Amino acid sequence: MGQRPTWREARPALIAGALKRARTRPSGNWYVVGASRALRGDGKLARTVAGQEIVVWRGPDGRPVGGPGICPHLGAPLRDSPVRCGTLVCHWHGLALDGDPYAGWSPLPVHDDGVLVWARLDAVGGEEPLDAPVVPPRPEPARALTAVYTGVGVCEPEDVVANRLDPWHGAWLHPYAFVDLTVVDAPGDPAGAVDDGPDALTVDVSFKVAGRIVVPVRAVFTAPGPRTVVMRVCEGEGAGSVVETHATPLGADGAGRPRTAVIEAVLAVSARPGFAAARRARSFHGRR
């Protein structure tokens, strides 16, 4: 059966207004680097944020540490260097870094919220620094099943935010994921939404499970920061579950086009008895 046309209901002015307000909300210069799971054991995260190479790992005491991804000795790329017992060892000449300032290498503030790892780059953000990132409200980690996905697109961070704040395109461009998407509540008059008013977008949507099996839910989209959009399931199966979309600018590619990392964190909860068993199984396999 064909979908009901929704293009007449799309609200470009509403999306533009919500994006404008999101860009004015403080981030404290914090950028999402990747998943907390990546820092297990001797793991590390290496990423370029707005053209600056950074590397993050866990120091000797287990706390997350990080700094420039270029060795101050001869410029070796630290993304290729191993972590040994909390110390990052340059693979060119063995310079050892434990997260403290050393030999011209200066650390960056790093925060692990239990799901995502953030780094603060004041020179990039240009805002008033915050001691910690603005982490959206989440379900309790002990009862949630979490997953983090990272993809890279040729776009600006604001394009990612605008895309997530446009639910009208959803079922048309993502038919593999959900169907029957209807916007049931949005900010009022589009002209007024540009300057003030609530930003929450509420939708009824059915997520595909397998074949023709779908799960209907009601979800709310908000933009709590300049590079973040949150979808929260408020009614139906999995109520309380959250999907966070974080857009981290990487810098230009070889052709001068902007590139952005789209880092999505899913925190799923459910009252079904089998969900607790699935969560325990995931935790067991994650430790291996």
C-alpha atoms as a PDB file:
ATOM      1  CA  MET A   1       0.000   0.000   0.000  1.00  0.00           C
ATOM      2  CA  GLY A   2       1.350   3.436  -0.912  1.00  0.00           C
ATOM      3  CA  GLN A   3       2.234   6.012   1.711  1.00  0.00           C
ATOM      4  CA  ARG A   4       0.133   9.074   2.310  1.00  0.00           C
ATOM      5  CA  PRO A   5       1.921  12.182   0.954  1.00  0.00           C
ATOM      6  CA  THR A   6       3.361  14.309   3.766  1.00  0.00           C
ATOM      7  CA  TRP A   7       5.299  16.993   1.920  1.00  0.00           C
ATOM      8  CA  ARG A   8       2.487  19.530   2.366  1.00  0.00           C
ATOM      9  CA  GLU A   9       2.753  19.097   6.155  1.00  0.00           C
ATOM     10  CA  ALA A  10       6.515  19.688   6.287  1.00  0.00           C
ATOM     11  CA  ARG A  11       7.454  22.876   8.146  1.00  0.00           C
ATOM     12  CA  PRO A  12      10.779  24.289   6.850  1.00  0.00           C
ATOM     13  CA  ALA A  13      10.434  27.447   8.958  1.00  0.00           C
ATOM     14  CA  LEU A  14       9.817  25.383  12.084  1.00  0.00           C
ATOM     15  CA  ILE A  15      12.909  23.261  11.440  1.00  0.00           C
ATOM     16  CA  ALA A  16      15.001  26.365  10.736  1.00  0.00           C
ATOM     17  CA  GLY A  17      13.798  27.993  13.963  1.00  0.00           C
ATOM     18  CA  ALA A  18      14.523  24.926  16.083  1.00  0.00           C
ATOM     19  CA  LEU A  19      17.986  24.656  14.529  1.00  0.00           C
ATOM     20  CA  LYS A  20      18.654  28.344  15.171  1.00  0.00           C
ATOM     21  CA  ARG A  21      17.802  27.995  18.852  1.00  0.00           C
ATOM     22  CA  ALA A  22      19.762  24.767  19.214  1.00  0.00           C
ATOM     23  CA  ARG A  23      22.879  26.507  17.914  1.00  0.00           C
ATOM     24  CA  THR A  24      22.613  29.105  20.699  1.00  0.00           C
ATOM     25  CA  ARG A  25      22.493  26.526  23.501  1.00  0.00           C
ATOM     26  CA  PRO A  26      25.785  26.013  25.352  1.00  0.00           C
ATOM     27  CA  SER A  27      27.969  23.004  24.699  1.00  0.00           C
ATOM     28  CA  GLY A  28      30.873  24.162  26.859  1.00  0.00           C
ATOM     29  CA  ASN A  29      33.176  23.226  23.927  1.00  0.00           C
ATOM     30  CA  TRP A  30      32.597  19.494  24.492  1.00  0.00           C
ATOM     31  CA  TYR A  31      32.605  17.144  21.487  1.00  0.00           C
ATOM     32  CA  VAL A  32      31.662  13.468  21.398  1.00  0.00           C
ATOM     33  CA  VAL A  33      34.660  11.347  20.394  1.00  0.00           C
ATOM     34  CA  GLY A  34      33.210   7.838  20.480  1.00  0.00           C
ATOM     35  CA  ALA A  35      31.866   4.971  22.590  1.00  0.00           C
ATOM     36  CA  SER A  36      33.016   4.319  26.149  1.00  0.00           C
ATOM     37  CA  ARG A  37      33.349   0.626  25.263  1.00  0.00           C
ATOM     38  CA  ALA A  38      36.262   1.515  22.979  1.00  0.00           C
ATOM     39  CA  LEU A  39      38.383   2.369  26.031  1.00  0.00           C
ATOM     40  CA  ARG A  40      38.189  -1.054  27.625  1.00  0.00           C
ATOM     41  CA  GLY A  41      41.560  -2.547  28.495  1.00  0.00           C
ATOM     42  CA  ASP A  42      44.267  -1.050  26.305  1.00  0.00           C
ATOM     43  CA  GLY A  43      41.782   0.416  23.834  1.00  0.00           C
ATOM     44  CA  LYS A  44      41.912   3.997  22.620  1.00  0.00           C
ATOM     45  CA  LEU A  45      39.921   6.444  20.526  1.00  0.00           C
ATOM     46  CA  ALA A  46      41.552   8.563  17.841  1.00  0.00           C
ATOM     47  CA  ARG A  47      39.623  11.191  15.928  1.00  0.00           C
ATOM     48  CA  THR A  48      40.089  14.447  14.099  1.00  0.00           C
ATOM     49  CA  VAL A  49      37.818  17.183  15.471  1.00  0.00           C
ATOM     50  CA  ALA A  50      37.576  20.317  13.336  1.00  0.00           C
ATOM     51  CA  GLY A  51      40.967  19.516  11.828  1.00  0.00           C
ATOM     52  CA  GLN A  52      42.681  18.773  15.152  1.00  0.00           C
ATOM     53  CA  GLU A  53      43.942  15.251  15.746  1.00  0.00           C
ATOM     54  CA  ILE A  54      43.204  13.950  19.244  1.00  0.00           C
ATOM     55  CA  VAL A  55      43.667  10.637  21.009  1.00  0.00           C
ATOM     56  CA  VAL A  56      41.925   9.351  24.159  1.00  0.00           C
ATOM     57  CA  TRP A  57      42.672   6.335  26.367  1.00  0.00           C
ATOM     58  CA  ARG A  58      42.581   5.276  30.015  1.00  0.00           C
ATOM     59  CA  GLY A  59      45.526   6.296  32.156  1.00  0.00           C
ATOM     60  CA  PRO A  60      47.288   4.136  34.765  1.00  0.00           C
ATOM     61  CA  ASP A  61      44.528   4.848  37.318  1.00  0.00           C
ATOM     62  CA  GLY A  62      41.732   3.981  34.883  1.00  0.00           C
ATOM     63  CA  ARG A  63      40.475   7.510  34.335  1.00  0.00           C
ATOM     64  CA  PRO A  64      40.033   8.701  30.735  1.00  0.00           C
ATOM     65  CA  VAL A  65      42.823  10.954  29.509  1.00  0.00           C
ATOM     66  CA  GLY A  66      43.633  12.458  26.138  1.00  0.00           C
ATOM     67  CA  GLY A  67      45.321  15.167  24.151  1.00  0.00           C
ATOM     68  CA  PRO A  68      46.783  15.996  20.743  1.00  0.00           C
ATOM     69  CA  GLY A  69      47.156  13.048  18.405  1.00  0.00           C
ATOM     70  CA  ILE A  70      50.564  14.169  17.194  1.00  0.00           C
ATOM     71  CA  CYS A  71      53.727  13.189  19.053  1.00  0.00           C
ATOM     72  CA  PRO A  72      55.682  16.327  20.050  1.00  0.00           C
ATOM     73  CA  HIS A  73      58.998  14.616  19.225  1.00  0.00           C
ATOM     74  CA  LEU A  74      58.894  14.083  15.467  1.00  0.00           C
ATOM     75  CA  GLY A  75      55.182  14.307  14.726  1.00  0.00           C
ATOM     76  CA  ALA A  76      54.269  10.626  14.730  1.00  0.00           C
ATOM     77  CA  PRO A  77      50.509   9.911  14.453  1.00  0.00           C
ATOM     78  CA  LEU A  78      49.590   8.694  17.933  1.00  0.00           C
ATOM     79  CA  ARG A  79      46.460   7.000  16.545  1.00  0.00           C
ATOM     80  CA  ASP A  80      48.846   4.225  15.445  1.00  0.00           C
ATOM     81  CA  SER A  81      50.578   3.930  18.820  1.00  0.00           C
ATOM     82  CA  PRO A  82      49.739   1.227  21.390  1.00  0.00           C
ATOM     83  CA  VAL A  83      48.523   1.661  24.972  1.00  0.00           C
ATOM     84  CA  ARG A  84      50.447  -0.359  27.539  1.00  0.00           C
ATOM     85  CA  CYS A  85      49.211  -0.434  31.167  1.00  0.00           C
ATOM     86  CA  GLY A  86      47.660   3.020  30.888  1.00  0.00           C
ATOM     87  CA  THR A  87      50.586   4.576  29.010  1.00  0.00           C
ATOM     88  CA  LEU A  88      50.450   5.572  25.350  1.00  0.00           C
ATOM     89  CA  VAL A  89      53.795   4.646  23.775  1.00  0.00           C
ATOM     90  CA  CYS A  90      54.797   6.420  20.556  1.00  0.00           C
ATOM     91  CA  HIS A  91      55.509   3.730  17.968  1.00  0.00           C
ATOM     92  CA  TRP A  92      58.310   5.762  16.384  1.00  0.00           C
ATOM     93  CA  HIS A  93      60.704   6.452  19.253  1.00  0.00           C
ATOM     94  CA  GLY A  94      58.951   5.239  22.402  1.00  0.00           C
ATOM     95  CA  LEU A  95      57.873   8.522  23.983  1.00  0.00           C
ATOM     96  CA  ALA A  96      55.582   7.442  26.849  1.00  0.00           C
ATOM     97  CA  LEU A  97      52.486   9.515  27.748  1.00  0.00           C
ATOM     98  CA  ASP A  98      50.326   8.820  30.794  1.00  0.00           C
ATOM     99  CA  GLY A  99      47.941  11.756  30.340  1.00  0.00           C
ATOM    100  CA  ASP A 100      50.000  14.358  32.196  1.00  0.00           C
ATOM    101  CA  PRO A 101      51.792  17.239  30.420  1.00  0.00           C
ATOM    102  CA  TYR A 102      55.118  16.068  29.047  1.00  0.00           C
ATOM    103  CA  ALA A 103      57.711  17.229  26.509  1.00  0.00           C
ATOM    104  CA  GLY A 104      55.440  19.809  24.896  1.00  0.00           C
ATOM    105  CA  TRP A 105      52.391  17.516  24.869  1.00  0.00           C
ATOM    106  CA  SER A 106      49.441  19.123  26.732  1.00  0.00           C
ATOM    107  CA  PRO A 107      46.375  17.086  27.796  1.00  0.00           C
ATOM    108  CA  LEU A 108      42.778  17.961  26.997  1.00  0.00           C
ATOM    109  CA  PRO A 109      39.808  17.707  29.380  1.00  0.00           C
ATOM    110  CA  VAL A 110      38.096  14.338  28.797  1.00  0.00           C
ATOM    111  CA  HIS A 111      34.791  13.022  30.168  1.00  0.00           C
ATOM    112  CA  ASP A 112      33.353   9.496  30.108  1.00  0.00           C
ATOM    113  CA  ASP A 113      29.603   9.490  30.850  1.00  0.00           C
ATOM    114  CA  GLY A 114      29.421   5.684  30.826  1.00  0.00           C
ATOM    115  CA  VAL A 115      28.138   5.468  27.243  1.00  0.00           C
ATOM    116  CA  LEU A 116      30.066   8.133  25.318  1.00  0.00           C
ATOM    117  CA  VAL A 117      33.497   9.735  25.622  1.00  0.00           C
ATOM    118  CA  TRP A 118      33.768  13.511  25.213  1.00  0.00           C
ATOM    119  CA  ALA A 119      36.746  15.833  24.762  1.00  0.00           C
ATOM    120  CA  ARG A 120      36.774  19.588  25.383  1.00  0.00           C
ATOM    121  CA  LEU A 121      38.430  21.704  22.724  1.00  0.00           C
ATOM    122  CA  ASP A 122      38.198  25.329  23.792  1.00  0.00           C
ATOM    123  CA  ALA A 123      40.145  26.638  20.789  1.00  0.00           C
ATOM    124  CA  VAL A 124      37.635  24.975  18.451  1.00  0.00           C
ATOM    125  CA  GLY A 125      34.382  25.716  20.267  1.00  0.00           C
ATOM    126  CA  GLY A 126      35.101  29.277  21.331  1.00  0.00           C
ATOM    127  CA  GLU A 127      32.407  29.176  24.035  1.00  0.00           C
ATOM    128  CA  GLU A 128      32.615  29.619  27.780  1.00  0.00           C
ATOM    129  CA  PRO A 129      34.060  26.264  28.938  1.00  0.00           C
ATOM    130  CA  LEU A 130      31.979  23.965  31.107  1.00  0.00           C
ATOM    131  CA  ASP A 131      33.475  21.539  33.609  1.00  0.00           C
ATOM    132  CA  ALA A 132      31.490  18.665  32.059  1.00  0.00           C
ATOM    133  CA  PRO A 133      29.401  18.155  28.914  1.00  0.00           C
ATOM    134  CA  VAL A 134      25.643  18.637  28.873  1.00  0.00           C
ATOM    135  CA  VAL A 135      24.499  14.998  28.869  1.00  0.00           C
ATOM    136  CA  PRO A 136      20.760  14.521  28.106  1.00  0.00           C
ATOM    137  CA  PRO A 137      18.625  12.659  30.685  1.00  0.00           C
ATOM    138  CA  ARG A 138      18.890   8.896  30.178  1.00  0.00           C
ATOM    139  CA  PRO A 139      17.382   5.715  31.596  1.00  0.00           C
ATOM    140  CA  GLU A 140      19.355   4.111  34.404  1.00  0.00           C
ATOM    141  CA  PRO A 141      22.362   2.301  32.864  1.00  0.00           C
ATOM    142  CA  ALA A 142      21.741  -0.745  35.077  1.00  0.00           C
ATOM    143  CA  ARG A 143      18.429  -1.440  33.332  1.00  0.00           C
ATOM    144  CA  ALA A 144      19.317  -0.312  29.801  1.00  0.00           C
ATOM    145  CA  LEU A 145      20.743  -2.067  26.788  1.00  0.00           C
ATOM    146  CA  THR A 146      23.163   0.302  25.050  1.00  0.00           C
ATOM    147  CA  ALA A 147      24.761   0.484  21.629  1.00  0.00           C
ATOM    148  CA  VAL A 148      26.768   3.164  19.818  1.00  0.00           C
ATOM    149  CA  TYR A 149      26.991   3.631  16.045  1.00  0.00           C
ATOM    150  CA  THR A 150      29.395   5.948  14.217  1.00  0.00           C
ATOM    151  CA  GLY A 151      29.138   7.017  10.597  1.00  0.00           C
ATOM    152  CA  VAL A 152      30.765   9.800   8.581  1.00  0.00           C
ATOM    153  CA  GLY A 153      28.997  12.097   6.136  1.00  0.00           C
ATOM    154  CA  VAL A 154      29.947  14.918   3.789  1.00  0.00           C
ATOM    155  CA  CYS A 155      28.060  17.692   5.559  1.00  0.00           C
ATOM    156  CA  GLU A 156      28.179  20.199   8.413  1.00  0.00           C
ATOM    157  CA  PRO A 157      27.027  19.337  11.968  1.00  0.00           C
ATOM    158  CA  GLU A 158      24.036  21.658  11.565  1.00  0.00           C
ATOM    159  CA  ASP A 159      22.899  19.580   8.582  1.00  0.00           C
ATOM    160  CA  VAL A 160      22.722  16.507  10.806  1.00  0.00           C
ATOM    161  CA  VAL A 161      20.711  18.378  13.439  1.00  0.00           C
ATOM    162  CA  ALA A 162      18.322  19.789  10.834  1.00  0.00           C
ATOM    163  CA  ASN A 163      17.836  16.324   9.345  1.00  0.00           C
ATOM    164  CA  ARG A 164      16.909  14.826  12.715  1.00  0.00           C
ATOM    165  CA  LEU A 165      14.512  17.713  13.382  1.00  0.00           C
ATOM    166  CA  ASP A 166      12.641  16.926  10.152  1.00  0.00           C
ATOM    167  CA  PRO A 167      10.384  13.959  11.016  1.00  0.00           C
ATOM    168  CA  TRP A 168       8.245  14.445   7.918  1.00  0.00           C
ATOM    169  CA  HIS A 169      10.889  12.834   5.706  1.00  0.00           C
ATOM    170  CA  GLY A 170      11.219   9.765   7.947  1.00  0.00           C
ATOM    171  CA  ALA A 171       9.073   7.004   6.506  1.00  0.00           C
ATOM    172  CA  TRP A 172       9.895   8.100   2.963  1.00  0.00           C
ATOM    173  CA  LEU A 173      13.674   7.877   3.224  1.00  0.00           C
ATOM    174  CA  HIS A 174      13.850   5.165   5.898  1.00  0.00           C
ATOM    175  CA  PRO A 175      11.177   2.607   4.919  1.00  0.00           C
ATOM    176  CA  TYR A 176      13.461  -0.216   6.089  1.00  0.00           C
ATOM    177  CA  ALA A 177      13.225   1.068   9.686  1.00  0.00           C
ATOM    178  CA  PHE A 178       9.704   2.372  10.267  1.00  0.00           C
ATOM    179  CA  VAL A 179       6.282   3.069   8.765  1.00  0.00           C
ATOM    180  CA  ASP A 180       3.119   5.085   9.441  1.00  0.00           C
ATOM    181  CA  LEU A 181       4.936   8.119  10.825  1.00  0.00           C
ATOM    182  CA  THR A 182       2.627  10.953  11.817  1.00  0.00           C
ATOM    183  CA  VAL A 183       3.593  14.235  13.472  1.00  0.00           C
ATOM    184  CA  VAL A 184       1.029  14.741  16.232  1.00  0.00           C
ATOM    185  CA  ASP A 185       2.475  17.788  17.983  1.00  0.00           C
ATOM    186  CA  ALA A 186       4.886  20.504  16.876  1.00  0.00           C
ATOM    187  CA  PRO A 187       5.618  24.132  17.770  1.00  0.00           C
ATOM    188  CA  GLY A 188       2.825  26.505  16.722  1.00  0.00           C
ATOM    189  CA  ASP A 189       2.858  28.961  13.880  1.00  0.00           C
ATOM    190  CA  PRO A 190       6.014  28.534  11.757  1.00  0.00           C
ATOM    191  CA  ALA A 191       6.648  32.280  11.586  1.00  0.00           C
ATOM    192  CA  GLY A 192       6.683  32.596  15.373  1.00  0.00           C
ATOM    193  CA  ALA A 193       8.744  29.442  15.841  1.00  0.00           C
ATOM    194  CA  VAL A 194      11.775  31.146  14.338  1.00  0.00           C
ATOM    195  CA  ASP A 195      12.218  33.355  17.384  1.00  0.00           C
ATOM    196  CA  ASP A 196      10.756  31.537  20.358  1.00  0.00           C
ATOM    197  CA  GLY A 197       8.479  28.758  21.455  1.00  0.00           C
ATOM    198  CA  PRO A 198       8.874  25.068  22.310  1.00  0.00           C
ATOM    199  CA  ASP A 199      11.003  22.885  20.076  1.00  0.00           C
ATOM    200  CA  ALA A 200       9.655  19.436  20.923  1.00  0.00           C
ATOM    201  CA  LEU A 201       8.327  17.423  17.991  1.00  0.00           C
ATOM    202  CA  THR A 202       6.061  14.515  18.917  1.00  0.00           C
ATOM    203  CA  VAL A 203       5.442  11.696  16.460  1.00  0.00           C
ATOM    204  CA  ASP A 204       3.525   8.433  16.298  1.00  0.00           C
ATOM    205  CA  VAL A 205       5.540   5.844  14.402  1.00  0.00           C
ATOM    206  CA  SER A 206       5.741   2.082  13.981  1.00  0.00           C
ATOM    207  CA  PHE A 207       9.222   0.578  14.056  1.00  0.00           C
ATOM    208  CA  LYS A 208       9.796  -2.494  11.932  1.00  0.00           C
ATOM    209  CA  VAL A 209      10.860  -5.655  13.753  1.00  0.00           C
ATOM    210  CA  ALA A 210      10.693  -8.438  11.153  1.00  0.00           C
ATOM    211  CA  GLY A 211       8.678  -8.779   7.983  1.00  0.00           C
ATOM    212  CA  ARG A 212       5.309  -7.128   8.576  1.00  0.00           C
ATOM    213  CA  ILE A 213       5.712  -7.110  12.358  1.00  0.00           C
ATOM    214  CA  VAL A 214       5.903  -3.544  13.683  1.00  0.00           C
ATOM    215  CA  VAL A 215       5.954  -1.892  17.111  1.00  0.00           C
ATOM    216  CA  PRO A 216       3.935   1.354  17.433  1.00  0.00           C
ATOM    217  CA  VAL A 217       5.303   4.030  19.773  1.00  0.00           C
ATOM    218  CA  ARG A 218       5.047   7.730  20.480  1.00  0.00           C
ATOM    219  CA  ALA A 219       8.372   9.578  20.499  1.00  0.00           C
ATOM    220  CA  VAL A 220       9.525  13.124  21.190  1.00  0.00           C
ATOM    221  CA  PHE A 221      12.426  14.840  19.404  1.00  0.00           C
ATOM    222  CA  THR A 222      14.364  17.672  21.083  1.00  0.00           C
ATOM    223  CA  ALA A 223      17.659  19.482  20.468  1.00  0.00           C
ATOM    224  CA  PRO A 224      19.308  20.186  23.850  1.00  0.00           C
ATOM    225  CA  GLY A 225      22.557  21.442  22.320  1.00  0.00           C
ATOM    226  CA  PRO A 226      24.077  22.801  19.111  1.00  0.00           C
ATOM    227  CA  ARG A 227      25.230  19.375  17.907  1.00  0.00           C
ATOM    228  CA  THR A 228      22.769  17.032  19.610  1.00  0.00           C
ATOM    229  CA  VAL A 229      19.266  15.731  18.907  1.00  0.00           C
ATOM    230  CA  VAL A 230      17.490  13.366  21.306  1.00  0.00           C
ATOM    231  CA  MET A 231      14.594  11.048  20.498  1.00  0.00           C
ATOM    232  CA  ARG A 232      12.798   9.724  23.579  1.00  0.00           C
ATOM    233  CA  VAL A 233      10.094   7.052  23.461  1.00  0.00           C
ATOM    234  CA  CYS A 234       7.357   8.375  25.753  1.00  0.00           C
ATOM    235  CA  GLU A 235       4.540   5.868  25.095  1.00  0.00           C
ATOM    236  CA  GLY A 236       4.314   2.295  23.872  1.00  0.00           C
ATOM    237  CA  GLU A 237       6.862  -0.513  23.776  1.00  0.00           C
ATOM    238  CA  GLY A 238      10.198   0.546  25.245  1.00  0.00           C
ATOM    239  CA  ALA A 239       8.888   3.722  26.883  1.00  0.00           C
ATOM    240  CA  GLY A 240      11.836   5.610  28.368  1.00  0.00           C
ATOM    241  CA  SER A 241      14.256   4.464  25.686  1.00  0.00           C
ATOM    242  CA  VAL A 242      16.489   7.143  24.192  1.00  0.00           C
ATOM    243  CA  VAL A 243      18.389   7.665  20.946  1.00  0.00           C
ATOM    244  CA  GLU A 244      20.996  10.438  21.053  1.00  0.00           C
ATOM    245  CA  THR A 245      22.427  11.770  17.801  1.00  0.00           C
ATOM    246  CA  HIS A 246      25.669  13.721  18.185  1.00  0.00           C
ATOM    247  CA  ALA A 247      27.342  15.524  15.282  1.00  0.00           C
ATOM    248  CA  THR A 248      31.106  16.035  15.578  1.00  0.00           C
ATOM    249  CA  PRO A 249      32.860  18.138  12.909  1.00  0.00           C
ATOM    250  CA  LEU A 250      35.921  16.406  11.497  1.00  0.00           C
ATOM    251  CA  GLY A 251      37.292  18.946   9.031  1.00  0.00           C
ATOM    252  CA  ALA A 252      37.504  19.155   5.258  1.00  0.00           C
ATOM    253  CA  ASP A 253      38.265  16.225   2.974  1.00  0.00           C
ATOM    254  CA  GLY A 254      40.735  16.298   0.082  1.00  0.00           C
ATOM    255  CA  ALA A 255      38.234  18.165  -2.076  1.00  0.00           C
ATOM    256  CA  GLY A 256      37.595  20.792   0.589  1.00  0.00           C
ATOM    257  CA  ARG A 257      34.167  19.432   1.512  1.00  0.00           C
ATOM    258  CA  PRO A 258      33.132  19.433   5.217  1.00  0.00           C
ATOM    259  CA  ARG A 259      32.964  16.045   6.951  1.00  0.00           C
ATOM    260  CA  THR A 260      31.009  15.232  10.092  1.00  0.00           C
ATOM    261  CA  ALA A 261      30.932  12.163  12.319  1.00  0.00           C
ATOM    262  CA  VAL A 262      27.400  11.090  13.253  1.00  0.00           C
ATOM    263  CA  ILE A 263      27.659   9.289  16.596  1.00  0.00           C
ATOM    264  CA  GLU A 264      24.393   7.740  17.752  1.00  0.00           C
ATOM    265  CA  ALA A 265      23.886   6.250  21.206  1.00  0.00           C
ATOM    266  CA  VAL A 266      20.878   3.990  21.786  1.00  0.00           C
ATOM    267  CA  LEU A 267      19.763   3.306  25.367  1.00  0.00           C
ATOM    268  CA  ALA A 268      16.883   0.840  25.219  1.00  0.00           C
ATOM    269  CA  VAL A 269      14.681  -0.221  28.133  1.00  0.00           C
ATOM    270  CA  SER A 270      11.695  -2.541  28.347  1.00  0.00           C
ATOM    271  CA  ALA A 271       9.424  -4.041  30.979  1.00  0.00           C
ATOM    272  CA  ARG A 272       9.275  -7.388  29.166  1.00  0.00           C
ATOM    273  CA  PRO A 273      10.787 -10.285  31.183  1.00  0.00           C
ATOM    274  CA  GLY A 274      13.018 -11.399  28.312  1.00  0.00           C
ATOM    275  CA  PHE A 275      14.663  -7.977  28.054  1.00  0.00           C
ATOM    276  CA  ALA A 276      16.584  -8.394  31.319  1.00  0.00           C
ATOM    277  CA  ALA A 277      18.025 -11.667  30.049  1.00  0.00           C
ATOM    278  CA  ALA A 278      19.048 -10.031  26.766  1.00  0.00           C
ATOM    279  CA  ARG A 279      20.718  -7.195  28.646  1.00  0.00           C
ATOM    280  CA  ARG A 280      22.687  -9.607  30.844  1.00  0.00           C
ATOM    281  CA  ALA A 281      23.774 -11.603  27.793  1.00  0.00           C
ATOM    282  CA  ARG A 282      24.956  -8.425  26.070  1.00  0.00           C
ATOM    283  CA  SER A 283      26.903  -7.370  29.170  1.00  0.00           C
ATOM    284  CA  PHE A 284      28.568 -10.794  29.395  1.00  0.00           C
ATOM    285  CA  HIS A 285      29.662 -10.818  25.750  1.00  0.00           C
ATOM    286  CA  GLY A 286      30.784  -7.183  26.012  1.00  0.00           C
ATOM    287  CA  ARG A 287      33.285  -8.101  28.744  1.00  0.00           C
ATOM    288  CA  ARG A 288      34.905 -10.808  26.648  1.00  0.00           C
END
